[in-house]
Amino acid sequence: PLPPPSLSPSPSVSPAYARTRAHTYNRTSPHSQALKRKCEVSIQKSITVENVALMLTTADQRAAPALRKRCFEFVMAHFGEVLGTQTFADLPPALLRELCNEASARGVRVGYR
């Protein structure tokens, strides 16, 4: 078996890569869970208008609830900008519906009046 993953990812390893490794290493190991949480926090700091839809999709697929929630809130706060990105257009239909329904429920507006 592989040794437990380090809780301090090397600077040359991306947080997303480290989280994926932690996810595949052992989903129930306390070391794996701690590394996944640290990576989620690190990834949250790098969210941008251009990458948020891709990060949201990945968080949804990888069962990363904190990252998913942060991405969701980021999209709501920057909906007009995110709406114009290719990655938003490429969202899975279920996520796209969820985002649009939530934006509608919150009264999120796009553009100026």
PDB file of N, CA and C in Angstrom:
ATOM      1  N   PRO A   1       0.819  -1.196   0.000  1.00  0.00           N
ATOM      2  CA  PRO A   1       0.000   0.000   0.000  1.00  0.00           C
ATOM      3  C   PRO A   1       0.862   1.259   0.000  1.00  0.00           C
ATOM      4  N   LEU A   2       0.253   2.331  -0.437  1.00  0.00           N
ATOM      5  CA  LEU A   2       0.934   3.620  -0.458  1.00  0.00           C
ATOM      6  C   LEU A   2       1.063   4.165   0.956  1.00  0.00           C
ATOM      7  N   PRO A   3       2.131   4.949   1.217  1.00  0.00           N
ATOM      8  CA  PRO A   3       2.221   5.595   2.533  1.00  0.00           C
ATOM      9  C   PRO A   3       1.150   6.675   2.624  1.00  0.00           C
ATOM     10  N   PRO A   4       0.771   7.099   3.837  1.00  0.00           N
ATOM     11  CA  PRO A   4      -0.233   8.154   3.967  1.00  0.00           C
ATOM     12  C   PRO A   4       0.234   9.420   3.262  1.00  0.00           C
ATOM     13  N   PRO A   5      -0.692  10.136   2.605  1.00  0.00           N
ATOM     14  CA  PRO A   5      -0.297  11.365   1.939  1.00  0.00           C
ATOM     15  C   PRO A   5       0.130  12.409   2.952  1.00  0.00           C
ATOM     16  N   SER A   6       1.031  13.264   2.543  1.00  0.00           N
ATOM     17  CA  SER A   6       1.496  14.339   3.407  1.00  0.00           C
ATOM     18  C   SER A   6       0.368  15.340   3.610  1.00  0.00           C
ATOM     19  N   LEU A   7       0.295  15.920   4.796  1.00  0.00           N
ATOM     20  CA  LEU A   7      -0.705  16.951   5.048  1.00  0.00           C
ATOM     21  C   LEU A   7      -0.225  18.313   4.571  1.00  0.00           C
ATOM     22  N   SER A   8       1.010  18.395   4.134  1.00  0.00           N
ATOM     23  CA  SER A   8       1.554  19.642   3.596  1.00  0.00           C
ATOM     24  C   SER A   8       2.011  19.389   2.174  1.00  0.00           C
ATOM     25  N   PRO A   9       1.119  19.595   1.186  1.00  0.00           N
ATOM     26  CA  PRO A   9       1.498  19.334  -0.181  1.00  0.00           C
ATOM     27  C   PRO A   9       2.700  20.178  -0.589  1.00  0.00           C
ATOM     28  N   SER A  10       3.561  19.592  -1.374  1.00  0.00           N
ATOM     29  CA  SER A  10       4.738  20.292  -1.873  1.00  0.00           C
ATOM     30  C   SER A  10       4.313  21.472  -2.721  1.00  0.00           C
ATOM     31  N   PRO A  11       5.080  22.579  -2.719  1.00  0.00           N
ATOM     32  CA  PRO A  11       4.705  23.744  -3.520  1.00  0.00           C
ATOM     33  C   PRO A  11       4.608  23.436  -5.012  1.00  0.00           C
ATOM     34  N   SER A  12       5.292  22.369  -5.462  1.00  0.00           N
ATOM     35  CA  SER A  12       5.252  22.038  -6.882  1.00  0.00           C
ATOM     36  C   SER A  12       4.032  21.198  -7.252  1.00  0.00           C
ATOM     37  N   VAL A  13       3.250  20.784  -6.250  1.00  0.00           N
ATOM     38  CA  VAL A  13       2.051  19.979  -6.485  1.00  0.00           C
ATOM     39  C   VAL A  13       0.834  20.880  -6.324  1.00  0.00           C
ATOM     40  N   SER A  14      -0.026  20.892  -7.327  1.00  0.00           N
ATOM     41  CA  SER A  14      -1.208  21.742  -7.238  1.00  0.00           C
ATOM     42  C   SER A  14      -2.165  21.193  -6.185  1.00  0.00           C
ATOM     43  N   PRO A  15      -2.924  22.080  -5.537  1.00  0.00           N
ATOM     44  CA  PRO A  15      -3.902  21.609  -4.558  1.00  0.00           C
ATOM     45  C   PRO A  15      -4.927  20.666  -5.187  1.00  0.00           C
ATOM     46  N   ALA A  16      -5.310  20.930  -6.429  1.00  0.00           N
ATOM     47  CA  ALA A  16      -6.286  20.060  -7.093  1.00  0.00           C
ATOM     48  C   ALA A  16      -5.712  18.657  -7.280  1.00  0.00           C
ATOM     49  N   TYR A  17      -4.440  18.573  -7.680  1.00  0.00           N
ATOM     50  CA  TYR A  17      -3.801  17.273  -7.856  1.00  0.00           C
ATOM     51  C   TYR A  17      -3.694  16.554  -6.505  1.00  0.00           C
ATOM     52  N   ALA A  18      -3.291  17.283  -5.477  1.00  0.00           N
ATOM     53  CA  ALA A  18      -3.146  16.672  -4.156  1.00  0.00           C
ATOM     54  C   ALA A  18      -4.493  16.167  -3.653  1.00  0.00           C
ATOM     55  N   ARG A  19      -5.551  16.935  -3.905  1.00  0.00           N
ATOM     56  CA  ARG A  19      -6.876  16.507  -3.465  1.00  0.00           C
ATOM     57  C   ARG A  19      -7.307  15.250  -4.208  1.00  0.00           C
ATOM     58  N   THR A  20      -7.036  15.189  -5.493  1.00  0.00           N
ATOM     59  CA  THR A  20      -7.377  14.004  -6.273  1.00  0.00           C
ATOM     60  C   THR A  20      -6.626  12.787  -5.739  1.00  0.00           C
ATOM     61  N   ARG A  21      -5.347  12.968  -5.434  1.00  0.00           N
ATOM     62  CA  ARG A  21      -4.562  11.855  -4.874  1.00  0.00           C
ATOM     63  C   ARG A  21      -5.126  11.424  -3.525  1.00  0.00           C
ATOM     64  N   ALA A  22      -5.492  12.386  -2.704  1.00  0.00           N
ATOM     65  CA  ALA A  22      -6.074  12.047  -1.400  1.00  0.00           C
ATOM     66  C   ALA A  22      -7.396  11.320  -1.584  1.00  0.00           C
ATOM     67  N   HIS A  23      -8.149  11.731  -2.580  1.00  0.00           N
ATOM     68  CA  HIS A  23      -9.447  11.111  -2.850  1.00  0.00           C
ATOM     69  C   HIS A  23      -9.268   9.648  -3.272  1.00  0.00           C
ATOM     70  N   THR A  24      -8.261   9.377  -4.107  1.00  0.00           N
ATOM     71  CA  THR A  24      -8.058   8.023  -4.598  1.00  0.00           C
ATOM     72  C   THR A  24      -7.269   7.157  -3.618  1.00  0.00           C
ATOM     73  N   TYR A  25      -6.522   7.783  -2.700  1.00  0.00           N
ATOM     74  CA  TYR A  25      -5.688   7.021  -1.766  1.00  0.00           C
ATOM     75  C   TYR A  25      -6.539   6.162  -0.838  1.00  0.00           C
ATOM     76  N   ASN A  26      -7.338   6.789  -0.045  1.00  0.00           N
ATOM     77  CA  ASN A  26      -8.179   6.059   0.905  1.00  0.00           C
ATOM     78  C   ASN A  26      -9.249   7.033   1.366  1.00  0.00           C
ATOM     79  N   ARG A  27     -10.444   6.813   0.909  1.00  0.00           N
ATOM     80  CA  ARG A  27     -11.518   7.778   1.148  1.00  0.00           C
ATOM     81  C   ARG A  27     -11.909   7.912   2.617  1.00  0.00           C
ATOM     82  N   THR A  28     -11.562   6.947   3.438  1.00  0.00           N
ATOM     83  CA  THR A  28     -11.970   7.008   4.833  1.00  0.00           C
ATOM     84  C   THR A  28     -10.817   7.289   5.788  1.00  0.00           C
ATOM     85  N   SER A  29      -9.610   7.291   5.300  1.00  0.00           N
ATOM     86  CA  SER A  29      -8.460   7.544   6.155  1.00  0.00           C
ATOM     87  C   SER A  29      -8.512   8.965   6.724  1.00  0.00           C
ATOM     88  N   PRO A  30      -8.250   9.136   8.023  1.00  0.00           N
ATOM     89  CA  PRO A  30      -8.222  10.490   8.597  1.00  0.00           C
ATOM     90  C   PRO A  30      -7.188  11.379   7.913  1.00  0.00           C
ATOM     91  N   HIS A  31      -6.055  10.791   7.507  1.00  0.00           N
ATOM     92  CA  HIS A  31      -5.026  11.566   6.807  1.00  0.00           C
ATOM     93  C   HIS A  31      -5.554  12.049   5.464  1.00  0.00           C
ATOM     94  N   SER A  32      -6.237  11.169   4.768  1.00  0.00           N
ATOM     95  CA  SER A  32      -6.804  11.514   3.471  1.00  0.00           C
ATOM     96  C   SER A  32      -7.854  12.602   3.610  1.00  0.00           C
ATOM     97  N   GLN A  33      -8.727  12.469   4.593  1.00  0.00           N
ATOM     98  CA  GLN A  33      -9.778  13.471   4.808  1.00  0.00           C
ATOM     99  C   GLN A  33      -9.177  14.828   5.162  1.00  0.00           C
ATOM    100  N   ALA A  34      -8.161  14.847   5.998  1.00  0.00           N
ATOM    101  CA  ALA A  34      -7.513  16.111   6.381  1.00  0.00           C
ATOM    102  C   ALA A  34      -6.841  16.758   5.177  1.00  0.00           C
ATOM    103  N   LEU A  35      -6.183  15.960   4.358  1.00  0.00           N
ATOM    104  CA  LEU A  35      -5.531  16.494   3.163  1.00  0.00           C
ATOM    105  C   LEU A  35      -6.575  17.042   2.200  1.00  0.00           C
ATOM    106  N   LYS A  36      -7.678  16.346   2.022  1.00  0.00           N
ATOM    107  CA  LYS A  36      -8.743  16.820   1.128  1.00  0.00           C
ATOM    108  C   LYS A  36      -9.282  18.168   1.606  1.00  0.00           C
ATOM    109  N   ARG A  37      -9.491  18.310   2.911  1.00  0.00           N
ATOM    110  CA  ARG A  37      -9.998  19.583   3.445  1.00  0.00           C
ATOM    111  C   ARG A  37      -8.992  20.710   3.229  1.00  0.00           C
ATOM    112  N   LYS A  38      -7.710  20.440   3.481  1.00  0.00           N
ATOM    113  CA  LYS A  38      -6.684  21.467   3.272  1.00  0.00           C
ATOM    114  C   LYS A  38      -6.621  21.878   1.805  1.00  0.00           C
ATOM    115  N   CYS A  39      -6.722  20.909   0.930  1.00  0.00           N
ATOM    116  CA  CYS A  39      -6.672  21.201  -0.499  1.00  0.00           C
ATOM    117  C   CYS A  39      -7.894  22.012  -0.934  1.00  0.00           C
ATOM    118  N   GLU A  40      -9.067  21.667  -0.418  1.00  0.00           N
ATOM    119  CA  GLU A  40     -10.275  22.424  -0.744  1.00  0.00           C
ATOM    120  C   GLU A  40     -10.117  23.886  -0.346  1.00  0.00           C
ATOM    121  N   VAL A  41      -9.583  24.132   0.838  1.00  0.00           N
ATOM    122  CA  VAL A  41      -9.386  25.509   1.302  1.00  0.00           C
ATOM    123  C   VAL A  41      -8.410  26.236   0.388  1.00  0.00           C
ATOM    124  N   SER A  42      -7.323  25.571   0.030  1.00  0.00           N
ATOM    125  CA  SER A  42      -6.336  26.177  -0.859  1.00  0.00           C
ATOM    126  C   SER A  42      -6.923  26.470  -2.239  1.00  0.00           C
ATOM    127  N   ILE A  43      -7.691  25.534  -2.760  1.00  0.00           N
ATOM    128  CA  ILE A  43      -8.309  25.707  -4.078  1.00  0.00           C
ATOM    129  C   ILE A  43      -9.298  26.875  -4.043  1.00  0.00           C
ATOM    130  N   GLN A  44     -10.036  27.016  -2.952  1.00  0.00           N
ATOM    131  CA  GLN A  44     -11.023  28.095  -2.845  1.00  0.00           C
ATOM    132  C   GLN A  44     -10.386  29.470  -3.016  1.00  0.00           C
ATOM    133  N   LYS A  45      -9.136  29.602  -2.638  1.00  0.00           N
ATOM    134  CA  LYS A  45      -8.433  30.886  -2.746  1.00  0.00           C
ATOM    135  C   LYS A  45      -8.075  31.230  -4.188  1.00  0.00           C
ATOM    136  N   SER A  46      -8.178  30.263  -5.094  1.00  0.00           N
ATOM    137  CA  SER A  46      -7.779  30.518  -6.483  1.00  0.00           C
ATOM    138  C   SER A  46      -8.971  30.584  -7.436  1.00  0.00           C
ATOM    139  N   ILE A  47     -10.181  30.725  -6.914  1.00  0.00           N
ATOM    140  CA  ILE A  47     -11.369  30.809  -7.761  1.00  0.00           C
ATOM    141  C   ILE A  47     -11.386  32.136  -8.506  1.00  0.00           C
ATOM    142  N   THR A  48     -11.665  32.054  -9.809  1.00  0.00           N
ATOM    143  CA  THR A  48     -11.799  33.242 -10.649  1.00  0.00           C
ATOM    144  C   THR A  48     -13.059  33.113 -11.498  1.00  0.00           C
ATOM    145  N   VAL A  49     -13.434  34.194 -12.140  1.00  0.00           N
ATOM    146  CA  VAL A  49     -14.581  34.170 -13.049  1.00  0.00           C
ATOM    147  C   VAL A  49     -14.361  33.121 -14.132  1.00  0.00           C
ATOM    148  N   GLU A  50     -13.149  33.011 -14.628  1.00  0.00           N
ATOM    149  CA  GLU A  50     -12.844  32.086 -15.723  1.00  0.00           C
ATOM    150  C   GLU A  50     -12.840  30.626 -15.310  1.00  0.00           C
ATOM    151  N   ASN A  51     -12.488  30.308 -14.059  1.00  0.00           N
ATOM    152  CA  ASN A  51     -12.350  28.896 -13.690  1.00  0.00           C
ATOM    153  C   ASN A  51     -13.428  28.369 -12.750  1.00  0.00           C
ATOM    154  N   VAL A  52     -14.323  29.236 -12.269  1.00  0.00           N
ATOM    155  CA  VAL A  52     -15.277  28.811 -11.247  1.00  0.00           C
ATOM    156  C   VAL A  52     -16.220  27.708 -11.732  1.00  0.00           C
ATOM    157  N   ALA A  53     -16.657  27.758 -12.975  1.00  0.00           N
ATOM    158  CA  ALA A  53     -17.584  26.728 -13.463  1.00  0.00           C
ATOM    159  C   ALA A  53     -16.893  25.364 -13.516  1.00  0.00           C
ATOM    160  N   LEU A  54     -15.644  25.341 -13.950  1.00  0.00           N
ATOM    161  CA  LEU A  54     -14.892  24.086 -13.981  1.00  0.00           C
ATOM    162  C   LEU A  54     -14.663  23.569 -12.561  1.00  0.00           C
ATOM    163  N   MET A  55     -14.324  24.479 -11.646  1.00  0.00           N
ATOM    164  CA  MET A  55     -14.119  24.072 -10.252  1.00  0.00           C
ATOM    165  C   MET A  55     -15.421  23.552  -9.639  1.00  0.00           C
ATOM    166  N   LEU A  56     -16.535  24.182  -9.955  1.00  0.00           N
ATOM    167  CA  LEU A  56     -17.828  23.737  -9.450  1.00  0.00           C
ATOM    168  C   LEU A  56     -18.150  22.335  -9.949  1.00  0.00           C
ATOM    169  N   THR A  57     -17.911  22.109 -11.223  1.00  0.00           N
ATOM    170  CA  THR A  57     -18.146  20.781 -11.803  1.00  0.00           C
ATOM    171  C   THR A  57     -17.285  19.734 -11.112  1.00  0.00           C
ATOM    172  N   THR A  58     -16.016  20.043 -10.918  1.00  0.00           N
ATOM    173  CA  THR A  58     -15.093  19.115 -10.266  1.00  0.00           C
ATOM    174  C   THR A  58     -15.510  18.868  -8.817  1.00  0.00           C
ATOM    175  N   ALA A  59     -15.868  19.931  -8.107  1.00  0.00           N
ATOM    176  CA  ALA A  59     -16.295  19.784  -6.715  1.00  0.00           C
ATOM    177  C   ALA A  59     -17.539  18.908  -6.627  1.00  0.00           C
ATOM    178  N   ASP A  60     -18.440  19.079  -7.578  1.00  0.00           N
ATOM    179  CA  ASP A  60     -19.655  18.271  -7.600  1.00  0.00           C
ATOM    180  C   ASP A  60     -19.327  16.796  -7.859  1.00  0.00           C
ATOM    181  N   GLN A  61     -18.440  16.550  -8.807  1.00  0.00           N
ATOM    182  CA  GLN A  61     -18.060  15.180  -9.157  1.00  0.00           C
ATOM    183  C   GLN A  61     -17.261  14.496  -8.055  1.00  0.00           C
ATOM    184  N   ARG A  62     -16.447  15.269  -7.340  1.00  0.00           N
ATOM    185  CA  ARG A  62     -15.540  14.709  -6.327  1.00  0.00           C
ATOM    186  C   ARG A  62     -16.094  14.773  -4.907  1.00  0.00           C
ATOM    187  N   ALA A  63     -17.358  15.159  -4.782  1.00  0.00           N
ATOM    188  CA  ALA A  63     -17.993  15.255  -3.466  1.00  0.00           C
ATOM    189  C   ALA A  63     -17.158  16.113  -2.519  1.00  0.00           C
ATOM    190  N   ALA A  64     -16.922  17.355  -2.939  1.00  0.00           N
ATOM    191  CA  ALA A  64     -16.187  18.328  -2.136  1.00  0.00           C
ATOM    192  C   ALA A  64     -17.171  19.436  -1.739  1.00  0.00           C
ATOM    193  N   PRO A  65     -17.962  19.205  -0.690  1.00  0.00           N
ATOM    194  CA  PRO A  65     -19.057  20.121  -0.384  1.00  0.00           C
ATOM    195  C   PRO A  65     -18.645  21.556  -0.057  1.00  0.00           C
ATOM    196  N   ALA A  66     -17.540  21.749   0.654  1.00  0.00           N
ATOM    197  CA  ALA A  66     -17.117  23.112   0.990  1.00  0.00           C
ATOM    198  C   ALA A  66     -16.712  23.875  -0.272  1.00  0.00           C
ATOM    199  N   LEU A  67     -15.988  23.219  -1.152  1.00  0.00           N
ATOM    200  CA  LEU A  67     -15.576  23.851  -2.402  1.00  0.00           C
ATOM    201  C   LEU A  67     -16.787  24.108  -3.290  1.00  0.00           C
ATOM    202  N   ARG A  68     -17.690  23.153  -3.339  1.00  0.00           N
ATOM    203  CA  ARG A  68     -18.904  23.322  -4.150  1.00  0.00           C
ATOM    204  C   ARG A  68     -19.692  24.535  -3.668  1.00  0.00           C
ATOM    205  N   LYS A  69     -19.866  24.651  -2.355  1.00  0.00           N
ATOM    206  CA  LYS A  69     -20.617  25.774  -1.788  1.00  0.00           C
ATOM    207  C   LYS A  69     -19.930  27.100  -2.099  1.00  0.00           C
ATOM    208  N   ARG A  70     -18.611  27.151  -1.952  1.00  0.00           N
ATOM    209  CA  ARG A  70     -17.864  28.393  -2.218  1.00  0.00           C
ATOM    210  C   ARG A  70     -17.976  28.766  -3.689  1.00  0.00           C
ATOM    211  N   CYS A  71     -17.853  27.797  -4.587  1.00  0.00           N
ATOM    212  CA  CYS A  71     -17.992  28.063  -6.020  1.00  0.00           C
ATOM    213  C   CYS A  71     -19.395  28.575  -6.334  1.00  0.00           C
ATOM    214  N   PHE A  72     -20.381  27.951  -5.738  1.00  0.00           N
ATOM    215  CA  PHE A  72     -21.774  28.335  -5.955  1.00  0.00           C
ATOM    216  C   PHE A  72     -21.989  29.787  -5.541  1.00  0.00           C
ATOM    217  N   GLU A  73     -21.485  30.147  -4.359  1.00  0.00           N
ATOM    218  CA  GLU A  73     -21.623  31.523  -3.869  1.00  0.00           C
ATOM    219  C   GLU A  73     -20.863  32.506  -4.764  1.00  0.00           C
ATOM    220  N   PHE A  74     -19.698  32.103  -5.250  1.00  0.00           N
ATOM    221  CA  PHE A  74     -18.912  32.955  -6.147  1.00  0.00           C
ATOM    222  C   PHE A  74     -19.696  33.218  -7.429  1.00  0.00           C
ATOM    223  N   VAL A  75     -20.307  32.170  -7.977  1.00  0.00           N
ATOM    224  CA  VAL A  75     -21.106  32.335  -9.198  1.00  0.00           C
ATOM    225  C   VAL A  75     -22.251  33.305  -8.937  1.00  0.00           C
ATOM    226  N   MET A  76     -22.926  33.168  -7.801  1.00  0.00           N
ATOM    227  CA  MET A  76     -24.054  34.062  -7.497  1.00  0.00           C
ATOM    228  C   MET A  76     -23.579  35.510  -7.388  1.00  0.00           C
ATOM    229  N   ALA A  77     -22.404  35.724  -6.806  1.00  0.00           N
ATOM    230  CA  ALA A  77     -21.875  37.076  -6.621  1.00  0.00           C
ATOM    231  C   ALA A  77     -21.378  37.697  -7.927  1.00  0.00           C
ATOM    232  N   HIS A  78     -21.017  36.866  -8.894  1.00  0.00           N
ATOM    233  CA  HIS A  78     -20.436  37.352 -10.161  1.00  0.00           C
ATOM    234  C   HIS A  78     -21.196  36.770 -11.350  1.00  0.00           C
ATOM    235  N   PHE A  79     -22.492  36.580 -11.183  1.00  0.00           N
ATOM    236  CA  PHE A  79     -23.277  35.846 -12.168  1.00  0.00           C
ATOM    237  C   PHE A  79     -23.146  36.394 -13.582  1.00  0.00           C
ATOM    238  N   GLY A  80     -23.272  37.694 -13.751  1.00  0.00           N
ATOM    239  CA  GLY A  80     -23.190  38.292 -15.089  1.00  0.00           C
ATOM    240  C   GLY A  80     -21.870  38.018 -15.783  1.00  0.00           C
ATOM    241  N   GLU A  81     -20.773  38.086 -15.037  1.00  0.00           N
ATOM    242  CA  GLU A  81     -19.449  37.828 -15.608  1.00  0.00           C
ATOM    243  C   GLU A  81     -19.258  36.343 -15.921  1.00  0.00           C
ATOM    244  N   VAL A  82     -19.648  35.494 -14.978  1.00  0.00           N
ATOM    245  CA  VAL A  82     -19.471  34.046 -15.152  1.00  0.00           C
ATOM    246  C   VAL A  82     -20.335  33.536 -16.307  1.00  0.00           C
ATOM    247  N   LEU A  83     -21.530  34.112 -16.432  1.00  0.00           N
ATOM    248  CA  LEU A  83     -22.465  33.723 -17.486  1.00  0.00           C
ATOM    249  C   LEU A  83     -21.836  33.816 -18.880  1.00  0.00           C
ATOM    250  N   GLY A  84     -20.921  34.751 -19.076  1.00  0.00           N
ATOM    251  CA  GLY A  84     -20.297  34.947 -20.382  1.00  0.00           C
ATOM    252  C   GLY A  84     -19.096  34.066 -20.678  1.00  0.00           C
ATOM    253  N   THR A  85     -18.764  33.139 -19.785  1.00  0.00           N
ATOM    254  CA  THR A  85     -17.585  32.295 -20.014  1.00  0.00           C
ATOM    255  C   THR A  85     -17.955  30.992 -20.711  1.00  0.00           C
ATOM    256  N   GLN A  86     -17.008  30.452 -21.427  1.00  0.00           N
ATOM    257  CA  GLN A  86     -17.215  29.168 -22.105  1.00  0.00           C
ATOM    258  C   GLN A  86     -17.416  28.045 -21.094  1.00  0.00           C
ATOM    259  N   THR A  87     -16.699  28.116 -19.967  1.00  0.00           N
ATOM    260  CA  THR A  87     -16.827  27.044 -18.979  1.00  0.00           C
ATOM    261  C   THR A  87     -18.237  27.021 -18.383  1.00  0.00           C
ATOM    262  N   PHE A  88     -18.890  28.179 -18.286  1.00  0.00           N
ATOM    263  CA  PHE A  88     -20.279  28.208 -17.817  1.00  0.00           C
ATOM    264  C   PHE A  88     -21.172  27.510 -18.834  1.00  0.00           C
ATOM    265  N   ALA A  89     -20.950  27.801 -20.106  1.00  0.00           N
ATOM    266  CA  ALA A  89     -21.742  27.166 -21.164  1.00  0.00           C
ATOM    267  C   ALA A  89     -21.538  25.650 -21.187  1.00  0.00           C
ATOM    268  N   ASP A  90     -20.385  25.198 -20.736  1.00  0.00           N
ATOM    269  CA  ASP A  90     -20.056  23.769 -20.747  1.00  0.00           C
ATOM    270  C   ASP A  90     -20.487  23.029 -19.474  1.00  0.00           C
ATOM    271  N   LEU A  91     -21.146  23.722 -18.547  1.00  0.00           N
ATOM    272  CA  LEU A  91     -21.592  23.064 -17.312  1.00  0.00           C
ATOM    273  C   LEU A  91     -22.533  21.905 -17.623  1.00  0.00           C
ATOM    274  N   PRO A  92     -22.486  20.854 -16.814  1.00  0.00           N
ATOM    275  CA  PRO A  92     -23.462  19.781 -16.968  1.00  0.00           C
ATOM    276  C   PRO A  92     -24.874  20.360 -16.795  1.00  0.00           C
ATOM    277  N   PRO A  93     -25.839  19.860 -17.541  1.00  0.00           N
ATOM    278  CA  PRO A  93     -27.204  20.413 -17.488  1.00  0.00           C
ATOM    279  C   PRO A  93     -27.803  20.516 -16.083  1.00  0.00           C
ATOM    280  N   ALA A  94     -27.576  19.533 -15.237  1.00  0.00           N
ATOM    281  CA  ALA A  94     -28.152  19.570 -13.888  1.00  0.00           C
ATOM    282  C   ALA A  94     -27.577  20.730 -13.070  1.00  0.00           C
ATOM    283  N   LEU A  95     -26.271  20.965 -13.177  1.00  0.00           N
ATOM    284  CA  LEU A  95     -25.654  22.078 -12.454  1.00  0.00           C
ATOM    285  C   LEU A  95     -26.115  23.419 -13.023  1.00  0.00           C
ATOM    286  N   LEU A  96     -26.215  23.493 -14.333  1.00  0.00           N
ATOM    287  CA  LEU A  96     -26.678  24.720 -14.981  1.00  0.00           C
ATOM    288  C   LEU A  96     -28.087  25.071 -14.500  1.00  0.00           C
ATOM    289  N   ARG A  97     -28.969  24.074 -14.462  1.00  0.00           N
ATOM    290  CA  ARG A  97     -30.334  24.298 -13.962  1.00  0.00           C
ATOM    291  C   ARG A  97     -30.322  24.760 -12.506  1.00  0.00           C
ATOM    292  N   GLU A  98     -29.511  24.086 -11.688  1.00  0.00           N
ATOM    293  CA  GLU A  98     -29.439  24.436 -10.270  1.00  0.00           C
ATOM    294  C   GLU A  98     -28.970  25.880 -10.083  1.00  0.00           C
ATOM    295  N   LEU A  99     -27.940  26.277 -10.824  1.00  0.00           N
ATOM    296  CA  LEU A  99     -27.438  27.651 -10.730  1.00  0.00           C
ATOM    297  C   LEU A  99     -28.480  28.665 -11.190  1.00  0.00           C
ATOM    298  N   CYS A 100     -29.104  28.396 -12.321  1.00  0.00           N
ATOM    299  CA  CYS A 100     -30.110  29.328 -12.855  1.00  0.00           C
ATOM    300  C   CYS A 100     -31.321  29.425 -11.939  1.00  0.00           C
ATOM    301  N   ASN A 101     -31.760  28.306 -11.381  1.00  0.00           N
ATOM    302  CA  ASN A 101     -32.879  28.325 -10.436  1.00  0.00           C
ATOM    303  C   ASN A 101     -32.529  29.125  -9.185  1.00  0.00           C
ATOM    304  N   GLU A 102     -31.327  28.928  -8.680  1.00  0.00           N
ATOM    305  CA  GLU A 102     -30.904  29.654  -7.481  1.00  0.00           C
ATOM    306  C   GLU A 102     -30.765  31.150  -7.770  1.00  0.00           C
ATOM    307  N   ALA A 103     -30.197  31.488  -8.928  1.00  0.00           N
ATOM    308  CA  ALA A 103     -30.063  32.900  -9.306  1.00  0.00           C
ATOM    309  C   ALA A 103     -31.437  33.548  -9.401  1.00  0.00           C
ATOM    310  N   SER A 104     -32.384  32.837  -9.979  1.00  0.00           N
ATOM    311  CA  SER A 104     -33.746  33.341 -10.097  1.00  0.00           C
ATOM    312  C   SER A 104     -34.383  33.518  -8.721  1.00  0.00           C
ATOM    313  N   ALA A 105     -34.209  32.528  -7.856  1.00  0.00           N
ATOM    314  CA  ALA A 105     -34.783  32.591  -6.509  1.00  0.00           C
ATOM    315  C   ALA A 105     -34.196  33.742  -5.696  1.00  0.00           C
ATOM    316  N   ARG A 106     -32.930  34.047  -5.938  1.00  0.00           N
ATOM    317  CA  ARG A 106     -32.259  35.147  -5.212  1.00  0.00           C
ATOM    318  C   ARG A 106     -32.493  36.507  -5.870  1.00  0.00           C
ATOM    319  N   GLY A 107     -33.109  36.499  -7.033  1.00  0.00           N
ATOM    320  CA  GLY A 107     -33.334  37.760  -7.740  1.00  0.00           C
ATOM    321  C   GLY A 107     -32.063  38.323  -8.348  1.00  0.00           C
ATOM    322  N   VAL A 108     -31.118  37.449  -8.679  1.00  0.00           N
ATOM    323  CA  VAL A 108     -29.861  37.893  -9.280  1.00  0.00           C
ATOM    324  C   VAL A 108     -30.164  38.506 -10.640  1.00  0.00           C
ATOM    325  N   ARG A 109     -29.617  39.678 -10.880  1.00  0.00           N
ATOM    326  CA  ARG A 109     -29.829  40.398 -12.140  1.00  0.00           C
ATOM    327  C   ARG A 109     -28.546  40.414 -12.949  1.00  0.00           C
ATOM    328  N   VAL A 110     -28.721  40.398 -14.253  1.00  0.00           N
ATOM    329  CA  VAL A 110     -27.587  40.483 -15.172  1.00  0.00           C
ATOM    330  C   VAL A 110     -27.737  41.782 -15.959  1.00  0.00           C
ATOM    331  N   GLY A 111     -26.667  42.571 -16.012  1.00  0.00           N
ATOM    332  CA  GLY A 111     -26.711  43.825 -16.750  1.00  0.00           C
ATOM    333  C   GLY A 111     -27.163  44.991 -15.893  1.00  0.00           C
ATOM    334  N   TYR A 112     -27.365  46.117 -16.528  1.00  0.00           N
ATOM    335  CA  TYR A 112     -27.736  47.347 -15.837  1.00  0.00           C
ATOM    336  C   TYR A 112     -29.110  47.811 -16.251  1.00  0.00           C
ATOM    337  N   ARG A 113     -29.785  48.505 -15.385  1.00  0.00           N
ATOM    338  CA  ARG A 113     -31.107  49.089 -15.704  1.00  0.00           C
ATOM    339  C   ARG A 113     -31.153  50.510 -15.242  1.00  0.00           C
TER     340      ARG A 113
END
